[in-house]
Amino acid sequence: MKSAKQILDSEKVPSKGRRGLVLKASHSLLDFCLQTTGATAKRCARTRTWLFPIEVINQWLKLVGRTLIADHQHALHGQLTLDLVPMLNAKRDQAN
C-alpha cells in the first residue's frame, strides 16, 4: 500500500509545485479504484492519507497516471505553445 505522494516520489516528480498534483493523483486513484478494479483504498489512521494497493497503482500508472504526471510537468516547466501573429506592413513601418 502506497500513498499518492509516495507514488510521485517513486516516479521522480520534483517536490516543487507538487501539492496540486498529489491531490489530483489521489482523487484519480480513488475514482480508478471504484470504477475499474473494485479494489478498496484505505485511510492511514495516523495521517488520514489514502493508501492504494500496488496492483491498482501499476494499472493506474499505465492507463492514466503517467499522462497526468507528464501534463503537470509540462505545465510547470512552461512547455506550452505560442501562437505568433505576423505583423502587418503598416504596423511594422509605424514601429520603426
Protein backbone atom coordinates (compact mmCIF):
# COMPACT_ATOMS: atom_id res chain seq x y z
CA MET A 1 0.00 0.00 0.00
CA LYS A 2 1.32 3.42 -1.01
CA SER A 3 0.08 6.99 -0.80
CA ALA A 4 -0.15 9.30 -3.81
CA LYS A 5 2.90 11.23 -2.56
CA GLN A 6 4.95 8.02 -2.37
CA ILE A 7 3.88 7.14 -5.93
CA LEU A 8 5.01 10.53 -7.21
CA ASP A 9 8.30 10.17 -5.30
CA SER A 10 8.92 6.82 -6.98
CA GLU A 11 8.12 8.39 -10.39
CA LYS A 12 10.80 11.05 -9.71
CA VAL A 13 8.42 14.03 -9.74
CA PRO A 14 10.17 17.09 -8.24
CA SER A 15 8.68 18.24 -4.94
CA LYS A 16 8.39 21.89 -6.04
CA GLY A 17 4.79 22.65 -7.02
CA ARG A 18 3.62 19.11 -6.38
CA ARG A 19 0.76 19.66 -3.90
CA GLY A 20 -1.90 20.05 -6.58
CA LEU A 21 -0.62 17.01 -8.43
CA VAL A 22 -0.77 14.90 -5.25
CA LEU A 23 -4.42 15.87 -4.80
CA LYS A 24 -5.25 15.18 -8.46
CA ALA A 25 -3.46 11.83 -8.36
CA SER A 26 -5.18 10.82 -5.13
CA HIS A 27 -8.64 11.67 -6.45
CA SER A 28 -7.89 10.00 -9.77
CA LEU A 29 -6.70 6.85 -7.99
CA LEU A 30 -9.83 6.79 -5.82
CA ASP A 31 -12.04 7.02 -8.92
CA PHE A 32 -9.93 4.39 -10.67
CA CYS A 33 -10.27 2.02 -7.69
CA LEU A 34 -14.04 2.37 -7.58
CA GLN A 35 -14.79 2.32 -11.31
CA THR A 36 -12.39 -0.16 -12.86
CA THR A 37 -10.89 -2.56 -10.37
CA GLY A 38 -13.33 -2.60 -7.49
CA ALA A 39 -10.38 -2.61 -5.10
CA THR A 40 -10.61 -0.64 -1.92
CA ALA A 41 -8.32 2.16 -0.87
CA LYS A 42 -7.68 2.54 2.84
CA ARG A 43 -7.05 5.53 5.06
CA CYS A 44 -3.96 5.68 7.22
CA ALA A 45 -5.13 6.02 10.83
CA ARG A 46 -2.29 8.36 11.78
CA THR A 47 -2.02 10.70 8.76
CA ARG A 48 -5.51 10.27 7.23
CA THR A 49 -3.99 9.92 3.74
CA TRP A 50 -5.40 7.44 1.24
CA LEU A 51 -3.34 4.29 0.68
CA PHE A 52 -3.69 2.33 -2.55
CA PRO A 53 -2.83 -1.31 -3.42
CA ILE A 54 0.30 -1.80 -5.55
CA GLU A 55 -1.60 -3.71 -8.28
CA VAL A 56 -4.05 -0.82 -8.69
CA ILE A 57 -1.19 1.69 -8.76
CA ASN A 58 0.56 -0.17 -11.57
CA GLN A 59 -2.63 -0.32 -13.67
CA TRP A 60 -3.39 3.35 -12.97
CA LEU A 61 0.11 4.41 -14.00
CA LYS A 62 -0.20 2.55 -17.30
CA LEU A 63 -3.65 3.90 -18.17
CA VAL A 64 -3.92 7.33 -16.55
CA GLY A 65 -1.11 8.25 -14.19
CA ARG A 66 1.88 8.79 -16.45
CA THR A 67 -0.16 11.08 -18.70
CA LEU A 68 -1.35 13.07 -15.67
CA ILE A 69 2.23 13.40 -14.43
CA ALA A 70 3.57 14.41 -17.85
CA ASP A 71 0.85 17.05 -18.30
CA HIS A 72 1.65 18.51 -14.89
CA GLN A 73 5.38 18.64 -15.60
CA HIS A 74 4.84 20.29 -18.99
CA ALA A 75 2.58 22.93 -17.45
CA LEU A 76 5.04 23.52 -14.60
CA HIS A 77 8.03 23.97 -16.89
CA GLY A 78 6.24 26.10 -19.44
CA GLN A 79 6.13 23.66 -22.31
CA LEU A 80 3.23 25.49 -23.88
CA THR A 81 2.81 26.56 -27.49
CA LEU A 82 2.63 30.19 -28.50
CA ASP A 83 0.56 31.39 -31.43
CA LEU A 84 2.68 34.04 -33.10
CA VAL A 85 0.79 36.53 -35.23
CA PRO A 86 2.72 38.19 -38.09
CA MET A 87 2.81 41.98 -38.04
CA LEU A 88 1.18 43.84 -40.89
CA ASN A 89 3.41 46.06 -43.03
CA ALA A 90 1.70 49.26 -41.81
CA LYS A 91 2.20 48.38 -38.16
CA ARG A 92 5.82 47.38 -38.79
CA ASP A 93 6.51 50.73 -40.51
CA GLN A 94 4.94 52.67 -37.60
CA ALA A 95 7.01 50.71 -35.09
CA ASN A 96 10.24 51.80 -36.78
